[in-house]
Amino acid sequence: MENPNDKLGEKIRMYRTSINMTQAEFAQRLGVTGASVSAYENGVRSPSFDVLIKISNILGISTDELLGRAKKTEQTMDVSGLSEEQVASLRQMAAFYRKYNRMVNTLSEDPGKKGALNSLLKE
């Protein structure tokens, strides 16, 4: 049987590394030892409720997401070092791809248009 702490630890590690934070930096921000962070990430130990809330706040995600209770609907991207114009460009690109995906999903639901869509996508 799978240990639920393993999944939590994997998520903590994944989100921590996605924001380029070391275990030592993370431990300092949490007010715990580096060994504690290692134990959380390796599924050896569960964080207390207070620490779990701090973890979610530092990582910018909900406790539900950490605990696997919420479907992740949004992702974050580190845009530090980018200009406002570059960030705006990324937002426009994301909006374009959302519209594109909605269009493809809508067209692919219509059997008559599915073949045409597939041929267009292969070009």
PDB file of N, CA and C in Angstrom:
ATOM      1  N   MET A   1       0.845  -1.182   0.000  1.00  0.00           N
ATOM      2  CA  MET A   1       0.000   0.000   0.000  1.00  0.00           C
ATOM      3  C   MET A   1       0.891   1.248   0.000  1.00  0.00           C
ATOM      4  N   GLU A   2       0.492   2.198  -0.803  1.00  0.00           N
ATOM      5  CA  GLU A   2       1.305   3.415  -0.957  1.00  0.00           C
ATOM      6  C   GLU A   2       1.137   4.329   0.253  1.00  0.00           C
ATOM      7  N   ASN A   3       2.253   4.890   0.679  1.00  0.00           N
ATOM      8  CA  ASN A   3       2.260   5.823   1.793  1.00  0.00           C
ATOM      9  C   ASN A   3       1.821   7.200   1.290  1.00  0.00           C
ATOM     10  N   PRO A   4       0.727   7.782   1.857  1.00  0.00           N
ATOM     11  CA  PRO A   4       0.283   9.099   1.401  1.00  0.00           C
ATOM     12  C   PRO A   4       1.339  10.183   1.582  1.00  0.00           C
ATOM     13  N   ASN A   5       2.245   9.992   2.538  1.00  0.00           N
ATOM     14  CA  ASN A   5       3.316  10.972   2.739  1.00  0.00           C
ATOM     15  C   ASN A   5       4.256  11.035   1.546  1.00  0.00           C
ATOM     16  N   ASP A   6       4.366   9.909   0.804  1.00  0.00           N
ATOM     17  CA  ASP A   6       5.234   9.902  -0.379  1.00  0.00           C
ATOM     18  C   ASP A   6       4.734  10.901  -1.412  1.00  0.00           C
ATOM     19  N   LYS A   7       3.426  10.873  -1.679  1.00  0.00           N
ATOM     20  CA  LYS A   7       2.844  11.798  -2.658  1.00  0.00           C
ATOM     21  C   LYS A   7       3.021  13.238  -2.198  1.00  0.00           C
ATOM     22  N   LEU A   8       2.758  13.504  -0.930  1.00  0.00           N
ATOM     23  CA  LEU A   8       2.918  14.849  -0.387  1.00  0.00           C
ATOM     24  C   LEU A   8       4.365  15.286  -0.532  1.00  0.00           C
ATOM     25  N   GLY A   9       5.283  14.418  -0.166  1.00  0.00           N
ATOM     26  CA  GLY A   9       6.704  14.744  -0.274  1.00  0.00           C
ATOM     27  C   GLY A   9       7.123  15.032  -1.707  1.00  0.00           C
ATOM     28  N   GLU A  10       6.607  14.230  -2.643  1.00  0.00           N
ATOM     29  CA  GLU A  10       6.923  14.454  -4.055  1.00  0.00           C
ATOM     30  C   GLU A  10       6.433  15.822  -4.513  1.00  0.00           C
ATOM     31  N   LYS A  11       5.229  16.179  -4.077  1.00  0.00           N
ATOM     32  CA  LYS A  11       4.666  17.474  -4.474  1.00  0.00           C
ATOM     33  C   LYS A  11       5.456  18.626  -3.864  1.00  0.00           C
ATOM     34  N   ILE A  12       5.817  18.492  -2.594  1.00  0.00           N
ATOM     35  CA  ILE A  12       6.596  19.544  -1.947  1.00  0.00           C
ATOM     36  C   ILE A  12       7.905  19.747  -2.696  1.00  0.00           C
ATOM     37  N   ARG A  13       8.601  18.643  -2.994  1.00  0.00           N
ATOM     38  CA  ARG A  13       9.874  18.736  -3.711  1.00  0.00           C
ATOM     39  C   ARG A  13       9.676  19.347  -5.103  1.00  0.00           C
ATOM     40  N   MET A  14       8.647  18.891  -5.825  1.00  0.00           N
ATOM     41  CA  MET A  14       8.413  19.381  -7.176  1.00  0.00           C
ATOM     42  C   MET A  14       8.164  20.891  -7.178  1.00  0.00           C
ATOM     43  N   TYR A  15       7.279  21.347  -6.287  1.00  0.00           N
ATOM     44  CA  TYR A  15       6.971  22.782  -6.250  1.00  0.00           C
ATOM     45  C   TYR A  15       8.154  23.598  -5.746  1.00  0.00           C
ATOM     46  N   ARG A  16       8.875  23.073  -4.746  1.00  0.00           N
ATOM     47  CA  ARG A  16      10.040  23.799  -4.211  1.00  0.00           C
ATOM     48  C   ARG A  16      11.096  23.989  -5.285  1.00  0.00           C
ATOM     49  N   THR A  17      11.389  22.918  -6.015  1.00  0.00           N
ATOM     50  CA  THR A  17      12.419  23.024  -7.046  1.00  0.00           C
ATOM     51  C   THR A  17      11.944  23.882  -8.222  1.00  0.00           C
ATOM     52  N   SER A  18      10.627  23.924  -8.454  1.00  0.00           N
ATOM     53  CA  SER A  18      10.117  24.742  -9.562  1.00  0.00           C
ATOM     54  C   SER A  18      10.328  26.232  -9.319  1.00  0.00           C
ATOM     55  N   ILE A  19      10.482  26.607  -8.052  1.00  0.00           N
ATOM     56  CA  ILE A  19      10.751  28.019  -7.738  1.00  0.00           C
ATOM     57  C   ILE A  19      12.227  28.223  -7.392  1.00  0.00           C
ATOM     58  N   ASN A  20      13.049  27.234  -7.752  1.00  0.00           N
ATOM     59  CA  ASN A  20      14.501  27.308  -7.566  1.00  0.00           C
ATOM     60  C   ASN A  20      14.910  27.615  -6.132  1.00  0.00           C
ATOM     61  N   MET A  21      14.273  26.944  -5.197  1.00  0.00           N
ATOM     62  CA  MET A  21      14.595  27.143  -3.784  1.00  0.00           C
ATOM     63  C   MET A  21      15.262  25.875  -3.250  1.00  0.00           C
ATOM     64  N   THR A  22      16.376  26.040  -2.570  1.00  0.00           N
ATOM     65  CA  THR A  22      17.066  24.888  -1.989  1.00  0.00           C
ATOM     66  C   THR A  22      16.319  24.419  -0.751  1.00  0.00           C
ATOM     67  N   GLN A  23      16.639  23.203  -0.317  1.00  0.00           N
ATOM     68  CA  GLN A  23      16.031  22.697   0.918  1.00  0.00           C
ATOM     69  C   GLN A  23      16.401  23.596   2.093  1.00  0.00           C
ATOM     70  N   ALA A  24      17.628  24.078   2.116  1.00  0.00           N
ATOM     71  CA  ALA A  24      18.077  24.942   3.216  1.00  0.00           C
ATOM     72  C   ALA A  24      17.288  26.250   3.240  1.00  0.00           C
ATOM     73  N   GLU A  25      17.106  26.862   2.068  1.00  0.00           N
ATOM     74  CA  GLU A  25      16.325  28.111   1.994  1.00  0.00           C
ATOM     75  C   GLU A  25      14.872  27.872   2.408  1.00  0.00           C
ATOM     76  N   PHE A  26      14.328  26.759   1.930  1.00  0.00           N
ATOM     77  CA  PHE A  26      12.943  26.409   2.239  1.00  0.00           C
ATOM     78  C   PHE A  26      12.789  26.188   3.749  1.00  0.00           C
ATOM     79  N   ALA A  27      13.734  25.461   4.330  1.00  0.00           N
ATOM     80  CA  ALA A  27      13.701  25.193   5.773  1.00  0.00           C
ATOM     81  C   ALA A  27      13.746  26.495   6.571  1.00  0.00           C
ATOM     82  N   GLN A  28      14.609  27.404   6.136  1.00  0.00           N
ATOM     83  CA  GLN A  28      14.726  28.685   6.828  1.00  0.00           C
ATOM     84  C   GLN A  28      13.406  29.460   6.770  1.00  0.00           C
ATOM     85  N   ARG A  29      12.785  29.507   5.598  1.00  0.00           N
ATOM     86  CA  ARG A  29      11.506  30.216   5.450  1.00  0.00           C
ATOM     87  C   ARG A  29      10.402  29.557   6.269  1.00  0.00           C
ATOM     88  N   LEU A  30      10.477  28.215   6.397  1.00  0.00           N
ATOM     89  CA  LEU A  30       9.464  27.490   7.174  1.00  0.00           C
ATOM     90  C   LEU A  30       9.696  27.580   8.677  1.00  0.00           C
ATOM     91  N   GLY A  31      10.946  27.847   9.056  1.00  0.00           N
ATOM     92  CA  GLY A  31      11.286  27.849  10.475  1.00  0.00           C
ATOM     93  C   GLY A  31      11.496  26.449  11.023  1.00  0.00           C
ATOM     94  N   VAL A  32      11.981  25.545  10.131  1.00  0.00           N
ATOM     95  CA  VAL A  32      12.285  24.175  10.548  1.00  0.00           C
ATOM     96  C   VAL A  32      13.712  23.857  10.108  1.00  0.00           C
ATOM     97  N   THR A  33      14.182  22.673  10.453  1.00  0.00           N
ATOM     98  CA  THR A  33      15.535  22.270  10.054  1.00  0.00           C
ATOM     99  C   THR A  33      15.535  21.713   8.631  1.00  0.00           C
ATOM    100  N   GLY A  34      16.700  21.695   8.042  1.00  0.00           N
ATOM    101  CA  GLY A  34      16.848  21.081   6.729  1.00  0.00           C
ATOM    102  C   GLY A  34      16.501  19.601   6.769  1.00  0.00           C
ATOM    103  N   ALA A  35      16.819  18.955   7.894  1.00  0.00           N
ATOM    104  CA  ALA A  35      16.494  17.534   8.052  1.00  0.00           C
ATOM    105  C   ALA A  35      14.982  17.324   8.027  1.00  0.00           C
ATOM    106  N   SER A  36      14.240  18.274   8.586  1.00  0.00           N
ATOM    107  CA  SER A  36      12.775  18.165   8.565  1.00  0.00           C
ATOM    108  C   SER A  36      12.246  18.249   7.138  1.00  0.00           C
ATOM    109  N   VAL A  37      12.762  19.207   6.363  1.00  0.00           N
ATOM    110  CA  VAL A  37      12.327  19.338   4.966  1.00  0.00           C
ATOM    111  C   VAL A  37      12.655  18.056   4.208  1.00  0.00           C
ATOM    112  N   SER A  38      13.840  17.517   4.422  1.00  0.00           N
ATOM    113  CA  SER A  38      14.230  16.267   3.770  1.00  0.00           C
ATOM    114  C   SER A  38      13.271  15.140   4.149  1.00  0.00           C
ATOM    115  N   ALA A  39      12.911  15.068   5.426  1.00  0.00           N
ATOM    116  CA  ALA A  39      11.987  14.026   5.894  1.00  0.00           C
ATOM    117  C   ALA A  39      10.600  14.195   5.263  1.00  0.00           C
ATOM    118  N   TYR A  40      10.139  15.436   5.122  1.00  0.00           N
ATOM    119  CA  TYR A  40       8.845  15.675   4.462  1.00  0.00           C
ATOM    120  C   TYR A  40       8.902  15.204   3.019  1.00  0.00           C
ATOM    121  N   GLU A  41       9.960  15.603   2.320  1.00  0.00           N
ATOM    122  CA  GLU A  41      10.071  15.304   0.891  1.00  0.00           C
ATOM    123  C   GLU A  41      10.286  13.826   0.613  1.00  0.00           C
ATOM    124  N   ASN A  42      10.880  13.109   1.556  1.00  0.00           N
ATOM    125  CA  ASN A  42      11.115  11.677   1.380  1.00  0.00           C
ATOM    126  C   ASN A  42       9.994  10.818   1.944  1.00  0.00           C
ATOM    127  N   GLY A  43       8.949  11.463   2.471  1.00  0.00           N
ATOM    128  CA  GLY A  43       7.797  10.726   2.984  1.00  0.00           C
ATOM    129  C   GLY A  43       8.027  10.043   4.307  1.00  0.00           C
ATOM    130  N   VAL A  44       9.111  10.415   4.989  1.00  0.00           N
ATOM    131  CA  VAL A  44       9.432   9.814   6.277  1.00  0.00           C
ATOM    132  C   VAL A  44       8.578  10.417   7.384  1.00  0.00           C
ATOM    133  N   ARG A  45       8.234  11.680   7.212  1.00  0.00           N
ATOM    134  CA  ARG A  45       7.512  12.419   8.244  1.00  0.00           C
ATOM    135  C   ARG A  45       6.525  13.365   7.584  1.00  0.00           C
ATOM    136  N   SER A  46       5.399  13.588   8.254  1.00  0.00           N
ATOM    137  CA  SER A  46       4.410  14.557   7.765  1.00  0.00           C
ATOM    138  C   SER A  46       4.602  15.880   8.491  1.00  0.00           C
ATOM    139  N   PRO A  47       4.424  16.986   7.768  1.00  0.00           N
ATOM    140  CA  PRO A  47       4.492  18.289   8.447  1.00  0.00           C
ATOM    141  C   PRO A  47       3.260  18.492   9.316  1.00  0.00           C
ATOM    142  N   SER A  48       3.421  19.279  10.370  1.00  0.00           N
ATOM    143  CA  SER A  48       2.263  19.625  11.208  1.00  0.00           C
ATOM    144  C   SER A  48       1.318  20.490  10.384  1.00  0.00           C
ATOM    145  N   PHE A  49       0.111  20.687  10.871  1.00  0.00           N
ATOM    146  CA  PHE A  49      -0.854  21.519  10.150  1.00  0.00           C
ATOM    147  C   PHE A  49      -0.321  22.931   9.946  1.00  0.00           C
ATOM    148  N   ASP A  50       0.295  23.491  10.993  1.00  0.00           N
ATOM    149  CA  ASP A  50       0.850  24.841  10.879  1.00  0.00           C
ATOM    150  C   ASP A  50       1.924  24.912   9.796  1.00  0.00           C
ATOM    151  N   VAL A  51       2.796  23.921   9.778  1.00  0.00           N
ATOM    152  CA  VAL A  51       3.876  23.898   8.780  1.00  0.00           C
ATOM    153  C   VAL A  51       3.295  23.649   7.388  1.00  0.00           C
ATOM    154  N   LEU A  52       2.277  22.802   7.292  1.00  0.00           N
ATOM    155  CA  LEU A  52       1.633  22.545   6.001  1.00  0.00           C
ATOM    156  C   LEU A  52       1.067  23.839   5.410  1.00  0.00           C
ATOM    157  N   ILE A  53       0.464  24.649   6.241  1.00  0.00           N
ATOM    158  CA  ILE A  53      -0.071  25.940   5.782  1.00  0.00           C
ATOM    159  C   ILE A  53       1.068  26.855   5.330  1.00  0.00           C
ATOM    160  N   LYS A  54       2.162  26.881   6.094  1.00  0.00           N
ATOM    161  CA  LYS A  54       3.323  27.691   5.687  1.00  0.00           C
ATOM    162  C   LYS A  54       3.877  27.206   4.361  1.00  0.00           C
ATOM    163  N   ILE A  55       3.948  25.882   4.193  1.00  0.00           N
ATOM    164  CA  ILE A  55       4.455  25.310   2.945  1.00  0.00           C
ATOM    165  C   ILE A  55       3.601  25.786   1.779  1.00  0.00           C
ATOM    166  N   SER A  56       2.289  25.686   1.926  1.00  0.00           N
ATOM    167  CA  SER A  56       1.404  26.084   0.821  1.00  0.00           C
ATOM    168  C   SER A  56       1.533  27.568   0.523  1.00  0.00           C
ATOM    169  N   ASN A  57       1.692  28.385   1.556  1.00  0.00           N
ATOM    170  CA  ASN A  57       1.853  29.826   1.337  1.00  0.00           C
ATOM    171  C   ASN A  57       3.159  30.151   0.616  1.00  0.00           C
ATOM    172  N   ILE A  58       4.240  29.511   1.011  1.00  0.00           N
ATOM    173  CA  ILE A  58       5.532  29.754   0.371  1.00  0.00           C
ATOM    174  C   ILE A  58       5.504  29.304  -1.090  1.00  0.00           C
ATOM    175  N   LEU A  59       4.861  28.152  -1.331  1.00  0.00           N
ATOM    176  CA  LEU A  59       4.837  27.604  -2.681  1.00  0.00           C
ATOM    177  C   LEU A  59       3.753  28.243  -3.553  1.00  0.00           C
ATOM    178  N   GLY A  60       2.849  28.978  -2.931  1.00  0.00           N
ATOM    179  CA  GLY A  60       1.804  29.656  -3.688  1.00  0.00           C
ATOM    180  C   GLY A  60       0.720  28.731  -4.201  1.00  0.00           C
ATOM    181  N   ILE A  61       0.469  27.637  -3.470  1.00  0.00           N
ATOM    182  CA  ILE A  61      -0.594  26.708  -3.847  1.00  0.00           C
ATOM    183  C   ILE A  61      -1.444  26.411  -2.618  1.00  0.00           C
ATOM    184  N   SER A  62      -2.602  25.828  -2.830  1.00  0.00           N
ATOM    185  CA  SER A  62      -3.495  25.523  -1.710  1.00  0.00           C
ATOM    186  C   SER A  62      -3.046  24.250  -0.994  1.00  0.00           C
ATOM    187  N   THR A  63      -3.467  24.127   0.245  1.00  0.00           N
ATOM    188  CA  THR A  63      -3.201  22.885   0.979  1.00  0.00           C
ATOM    189  C   THR A  63      -3.933  21.728   0.305  1.00  0.00           C
ATOM    190  N   ASP A  64      -5.097  22.001  -0.278  1.00  0.00           N
ATOM    191  CA  ASP A  64      -5.820  20.956  -1.012  1.00  0.00           C
ATOM    192  C   ASP A  64      -4.967  20.410  -2.145  1.00  0.00           C
ATOM    193  N   GLU A  65      -4.310  21.281  -2.864  1.00  0.00           N
ATOM    194  CA  GLU A  65      -3.451  20.837  -3.970  1.00  0.00           C
ATOM    195  C   GLU A  65      -2.298  19.993  -3.429  1.00  0.00           C
ATOM    196  N   LEU A  66      -1.688  20.430  -2.341  1.00  0.00           N
ATOM    197  CA  LEU A  66      -0.588  19.660  -1.747  1.00  0.00           C
ATOM    198  C   LEU A  66      -1.045  18.272  -1.322  1.00  0.00           C
ATOM    199  N   LEU A  67      -2.252  18.198  -0.773  1.00  0.00           N
ATOM    200  CA  LEU A  67      -2.764  16.933  -0.251  1.00  0.00           C
ATOM    201  C   LEU A  67      -3.440  16.088  -1.320  1.00  0.00           C
ATOM    202  N   GLY A  68      -3.475  16.589  -2.552  1.00  0.00           N
ATOM    203  CA  GLY A  68      -4.069  15.827  -3.628  1.00  0.00           C
ATOM    204  C   GLY A  68      -5.578  15.869  -3.654  1.00  0.00           C
ATOM    205  N   ARG A  69      -6.165  16.875  -3.026  1.00  0.00           N
ATOM    206  CA  ARG A  69      -7.616  16.969  -2.953  1.00  0.00           C
ATOM    207  C   ARG A  69      -8.200  17.899  -4.007  1.00  0.00           C
ATOM    208  N   ALA A  70      -7.368  18.600  -4.714  1.00  0.00           N
ATOM    209  CA  ALA A  70      -7.875  19.546  -5.717  1.00  0.00           C
ATOM    210  C   ALA A  70      -7.207  19.263  -7.046  1.00  0.00           C
ATOM    211  N   LYS A  71      -7.989  19.372  -8.083  1.00  0.00           N
ATOM    212  CA  LYS A  71      -7.439  19.218  -9.417  1.00  0.00           C
ATOM    213  C   LYS A  71      -6.705  20.499  -9.763  1.00  0.00           C
ATOM    214  N   LYS A  72      -5.479  20.345 -10.177  1.00  0.00           N
ATOM    215  CA  LYS A  72      -4.684  21.527 -10.508  1.00  0.00           C
ATOM    216  C   LYS A  72      -5.216  22.141 -11.790  1.00  0.00           C
ATOM    217  N   THR A  73      -5.601  23.384 -11.710  1.00  0.00           N
ATOM    218  CA  THR A  73      -6.169  24.048 -12.874  1.00  0.00           C
ATOM    219  C   THR A  73      -5.260  25.147 -13.396  1.00  0.00           C
ATOM    220  N   GLU A  74      -4.285  25.487 -12.631  1.00  0.00           N
ATOM    221  CA  GLU A  74      -3.420  26.562 -13.083  1.00  0.00           C
ATOM    222  C   GLU A  74      -1.986  26.234 -12.719  1.00  0.00           C
ATOM    223  N   GLN A  75      -1.078  26.711 -13.511  1.00  0.00           N
ATOM    224  CA  GLN A  75       0.337  26.502 -13.259  1.00  0.00           C
ATOM    225  C   GLN A  75       1.002  27.859 -13.158  1.00  0.00           C
ATOM    226  N   THR A  76       2.108  27.877 -12.463  1.00  0.00           N
ATOM    227  CA  THR A  76       2.842  29.123 -12.335  1.00  0.00           C
ATOM    228  C   THR A  76       4.148  29.018 -13.109  1.00  0.00           C
ATOM    229  N   MET A  77       4.645  30.164 -13.504  1.00  0.00           N
ATOM    230  CA  MET A  77       5.910  30.222 -14.229  1.00  0.00           C
ATOM    231  C   MET A  77       6.740  31.344 -13.618  1.00  0.00           C
ATOM    232  N   ASP A  78       7.986  31.052 -13.410  1.00  0.00           N
ATOM    233  CA  ASP A  78       8.890  32.073 -12.880  1.00  0.00           C
ATOM    234  C   ASP A  78       9.212  33.057 -14.000  1.00  0.00           C
ATOM    235  N   VAL A  79       8.774  34.302 -13.835  1.00  0.00           N
ATOM    236  CA  VAL A  79       9.026  35.326 -14.854  1.00  0.00           C
ATOM    237  C   VAL A  79      10.004  36.378 -14.349  1.00  0.00           C
ATOM    238  N   SER A  80      10.689  36.055 -13.257  1.00  0.00           N
ATOM    239  CA  SER A  80      11.667  37.011 -12.750  1.00  0.00           C
ATOM    240  C   SER A  80      12.755  37.208 -13.797  1.00  0.00           C
ATOM    241  N   GLY A  81      13.203  38.425 -13.919  1.00  0.00           N
ATOM    242  CA  GLY A  81      14.227  38.753 -14.893  1.00  0.00           C
ATOM    243  C   GLY A  81      13.680  39.098 -16.266  1.00  0.00           C
ATOM    244  N   LEU A  82      12.359  38.993 -16.432  1.00  0.00           N
ATOM    245  CA  LEU A  82      11.747  39.357 -17.703  1.00  0.00           C
ATOM    246  C   LEU A  82      11.166  40.761 -17.602  1.00  0.00           C
ATOM    247  N   SER A  83      11.141  41.443 -18.722  1.00  0.00           N
ATOM    248  CA  SER A  83      10.550  42.788 -18.734  1.00  0.00           C
ATOM    249  C   SER A  83       9.025  42.673 -18.721  1.00  0.00           C
ATOM    250  N   GLU A  84       8.367  43.788 -18.441  1.00  0.00           N
ATOM    251  CA  GLU A  84       6.900  43.806 -18.461  1.00  0.00           C
ATOM    252  C   GLU A  84       6.371  43.436 -19.843  1.00  0.00           C
ATOM    253  N   GLU A  85       7.058  43.892 -20.865  1.00  0.00           N
ATOM    254  CA  GLU A  85       6.646  43.573 -22.237  1.00  0.00           C
ATOM    255  C   GLU A  85       6.748  42.077 -22.507  1.00  0.00           C
ATOM    256  N   GLN A  86       7.811  41.453 -22.004  1.00  0.00           N
ATOM    257  CA  GLN A  86       7.987  40.016 -22.198  1.00  0.00           C
ATOM    258  C   GLN A  86       6.919  39.222 -21.448  1.00  0.00           C
ATOM    259  N   VAL A  87       6.602  39.657 -20.231  1.00  0.00           N
ATOM    260  CA  VAL A  87       5.552  38.997 -19.453  1.00  0.00           C
ATOM    261  C   VAL A  87       4.212  39.147 -20.168  1.00  0.00           C
ATOM    262  N   ALA A  88       3.934  40.339 -20.688  1.00  0.00           N
ATOM    263  CA  ALA A  88       2.688  40.569 -21.423  1.00  0.00           C
ATOM    264  C   ALA A  88       2.618  39.666 -22.652  1.00  0.00           C
ATOM    265  N   SER A  89       3.747  39.501 -23.329  1.00  0.00           N
ATOM    266  CA  SER A  89       3.797  38.633 -24.500  1.00  0.00           C
ATOM    267  C   SER A  89       3.482  37.180 -24.122  1.00  0.00           C
ATOM    268  N   LEU A  90       4.026  36.722 -23.011  1.00  0.00           N
ATOM    269  CA  LEU A  90       3.737  35.363 -22.543  1.00  0.00           C
ATOM    270  C   LEU A  90       2.255  35.195 -22.220  1.00  0.00           C
ATOM    271  N   ARG A  91       1.661  36.216 -21.615  1.00  0.00           N
ATOM    272  CA  ARG A  91       0.222  36.156 -21.304  1.00  0.00           C
ATOM    273  C   ARG A  91      -0.602  36.064 -22.590  1.00  0.00           C
ATOM    274  N   GLN A  92      -0.216  36.833 -23.595  1.00  0.00           N
ATOM    275  CA  GLN A  92      -0.930  36.797 -24.873  1.00  0.00           C
ATOM    276  C   GLN A  92      -0.801  35.429 -25.529  1.00  0.00           C
ATOM    277  N   MET A  93       0.388  34.853 -25.464  1.00  0.00           N
ATOM    278  CA  MET A  93       0.593  33.524 -26.043  1.00  0.00           C
ATOM    279  C   MET A  93      -0.260  32.484 -25.327  1.00  0.00           C
ATOM    280  N   ALA A  94      -0.320  32.558 -24.004  1.00  0.00           N
ATOM    281  CA  ALA A  94      -1.131  31.608 -23.242  1.00  0.00           C
ATOM    282  C   ALA A  94      -2.607  31.760 -23.600  1.00  0.00           C
ATOM    283  N   ALA A  95      -3.073  32.993 -23.743  1.00  0.00           N
ATOM    284  CA  ALA A  95      -4.471  33.229 -24.119  1.00  0.00           C
ATOM    285  C   ALA A  95      -4.743  32.655 -25.511  1.00  0.00           C
ATOM    286  N   PHE A  96      -3.805  32.850 -26.435  1.00  0.00           N
ATOM    287  CA  PHE A  96      -3.955  32.301 -27.780  1.00  0.00           C
ATOM    288  C   PHE A  96      -4.083  30.783 -27.734  1.00  0.00           C
ATOM    289  N   TYR A  97      -3.208  30.115 -26.984  1.00  0.00           N
ATOM    290  CA  TYR A  97      -3.246  28.652 -26.926  1.00  0.00           C
ATOM    291  C   TYR A  97      -4.518  28.141 -26.246  1.00  0.00           C
ATOM    292  N   ARG A  98      -5.033  28.864 -25.258  1.00  0.00           N
ATOM    293  CA  ARG A  98      -6.306  28.465 -24.635  1.00  0.00           C
ATOM    294  C   ARG A  98      -7.424  28.508 -25.675  1.00  0.00           C
ATOM    295  N   LYS A  99      -7.476  29.589 -26.463  1.00  0.00           N
ATOM    296  CA  LYS A  99      -8.492  29.709 -27.520  1.00  0.00           C
ATOM    297  C   LYS A  99      -8.309  28.615 -28.560  1.00  0.00           C
ATOM    298  N   TYR A 100      -7.083  28.385 -28.958  1.00  0.00           N
ATOM    299  CA  TYR A 100      -6.783  27.344 -29.942  1.00  0.00           C
ATOM    300  C   TYR A 100      -7.269  25.980 -29.444  1.00  0.00           C
ATOM    301  N   ASN A 101      -6.958  25.644 -28.182  1.00  0.00           N
ATOM    302  CA  ASN A 101      -7.365  24.356 -27.622  1.00  0.00           C
ATOM    303  C   ASN A 101      -8.885  24.226 -27.559  1.00  0.00           C
ATOM    304  N   ARG A 102      -9.570  25.321 -27.204  1.00  0.00           N
ATOM    305  CA  ARG A 102     -11.042  25.278 -27.184  1.00  0.00           C
ATOM    306  C   ARG A 102     -11.578  25.027 -28.591  1.00  0.00           C
ATOM    307  N   MET A 103     -10.990  25.678 -29.574  1.00  0.00           N
ATOM    308  CA  MET A 103     -11.428  25.506 -30.957  1.00  0.00           C
ATOM    309  C   MET A 103     -11.215  24.057 -31.405  1.00  0.00           C
ATOM    310  N   VAL A 104     -10.038  23.522 -31.152  1.00  0.00           N
ATOM    311  CA  VAL A 104      -9.742  22.147 -31.546  1.00  0.00           C
ATOM    312  C   VAL A 104     -10.695  21.183 -30.848  1.00  0.00           C
ATOM    313  N   ASN A 105     -10.936  21.381 -29.562  1.00  0.00           N
ATOM    314  CA  ASN A 105     -11.847  20.500 -28.829  1.00  0.00           C
ATOM    315  C   ASN A 105     -13.258  20.579 -29.388  1.00  0.00           C
ATOM    316  N   THR A 106     -13.705  21.787 -29.695  1.00  0.00           N
ATOM    317  CA  THR A 106     -15.052  21.966 -30.240  1.00  0.00           C
ATOM    318  C   THR A 106     -15.165  21.296 -31.602  1.00  0.00           C
ATOM    319  N   LEU A 107     -14.197  21.529 -32.474  1.00  0.00           N
ATOM    320  CA  LEU A 107     -14.245  20.941 -33.818  1.00  0.00           C
ATOM    321  C   LEU A 107     -14.122  19.422 -33.782  1.00  0.00           C
ATOM    322  N   SER A 108     -13.313  18.910 -32.875  1.00  0.00           N
ATOM    323  CA  SER A 108     -13.108  17.460 -32.842  1.00  0.00           C
ATOM    324  C   SER A 108     -14.332  16.727 -32.305  1.00  0.00           C
ATOM    325  N   GLU A 109     -15.257  17.439 -31.650  1.00  0.00           N
ATOM    326  CA  GLU A 109     -16.488  16.812 -31.146  1.00  0.00           C
ATOM    327  C   GLU A 109     -17.487  16.576 -32.273  1.00  0.00           C
ATOM    328  N   ASP A 110     -17.358  17.289 -33.378  1.00  0.00           N
ATOM    329  CA  ASP A 110     -18.250  17.145 -34.527  1.00  0.00           C
ATOM    330  C   ASP A 110     -17.640  16.120 -35.480  1.00  0.00           C
ATOM    331  N   PRO A 111     -18.256  14.920 -35.597  1.00  0.00           N
ATOM    332  CA  PRO A 111     -17.666  13.865 -36.438  1.00  0.00           C
ATOM    333  C   PRO A 111     -17.423  14.319 -37.874  1.00  0.00           C
ATOM    334  N   GLY A 112     -18.281  15.171 -38.413  1.00  0.00           N
ATOM    335  CA  GLY A 112     -18.115  15.635 -39.782  1.00  0.00           C
ATOM    336  C   GLY A 112     -16.899  16.512 -39.958  1.00  0.00           C
ATOM    337  N   LYS A 113     -16.543  17.235 -38.923  1.00  0.00           N
ATOM    338  CA  LYS A 113     -15.407  18.166 -39.012  1.00  0.00           C
ATOM    339  C   LYS A 113     -14.111  17.554 -38.499  1.00  0.00           C
ATOM    340  N   LYS A 114     -14.232  16.394 -37.827  1.00  0.00           N
ATOM    341  CA  LYS A 114     -13.046  15.785 -37.240  1.00  0.00           C
ATOM    342  C   LYS A 114     -12.012  15.421 -38.299  1.00  0.00           C
ATOM    343  N   GLY A 115     -12.465  14.849 -39.441  1.00  0.00           N
ATOM    344  CA  GLY A 115     -11.540  14.476 -40.511  1.00  0.00           C
ATOM    345  C   GLY A 115     -10.842  15.684 -41.093  1.00  0.00           C
ATOM    346  N   ALA A 116     -11.607  16.760 -41.306  1.00  0.00           N
ATOM    347  CA  ALA A 116     -11.023  17.988 -41.852  1.00  0.00           C
ATOM    348  C   ALA A 116     -10.011  18.571 -40.875  1.00  0.00           C
ATOM    349  N   LEU A 117     -10.358  18.542 -39.614  1.00  0.00           N
ATOM    350  CA  LEU A 117      -9.447  19.073 -38.582  1.00  0.00           C
ATOM    351  C   LEU A 117      -8.150  18.267 -38.562  1.00  0.00           C
ATOM    352  N   ASN A 118      -8.282  16.951 -38.603  1.00  0.00           N
ATOM    353  CA  ASN A 118      -7.085  16.100 -38.577  1.00  0.00           C
ATOM    354  C   ASN A 118      -6.188  16.359 -39.768  1.00  0.00           C
ATOM    355  N   SER A 119      -6.782  16.547 -40.937  1.00  0.00           N
ATOM    356  CA  SER A 119      -5.957  16.804 -42.123  1.00  0.00           C
ATOM    357  C   SER A 119      -5.273  18.168 -42.035  1.00  0.00           C
ATOM    358  N   LEU A 120      -5.965  19.159 -41.458  1.00  0.00           N
ATOM    359  CA  LEU A 120      -5.348  20.466 -41.283  1.00  0.00           C
ATOM    360  C   LEU A 120      -4.180  20.414 -40.300  1.00  0.00           C
ATOM    361  N   LEU A 121      -4.358  19.647 -39.239  1.00  0.00           N
ATOM    362  CA  LEU A 121      -3.308  19.557 -38.216  1.00  0.00           C
ATOM    363  C   LEU A 121      -2.087  18.802 -38.714  1.00  0.00           C
ATOM    364  N   LYS A 122      -2.269  17.933 -39.694  1.00  0.00           N
ATOM    365  CA  LYS A 122      -1.145  17.158 -40.243  1.00  0.00           C
ATOM    366  C   LYS A 122      -0.299  17.974 -41.219  1.00  0.00           C
ATOM    367  N   GLU A 123      -0.829  19.074 -41.722  1.00  0.00           N
ATOM    368  CA  GLU A 123      -0.108  19.884 -42.705  1.00  0.00           C
ATOM    369  C   GLU A 123       1.073  20.584 -42.099  1.00  0.00           C
TER     370      GLU A 123
END
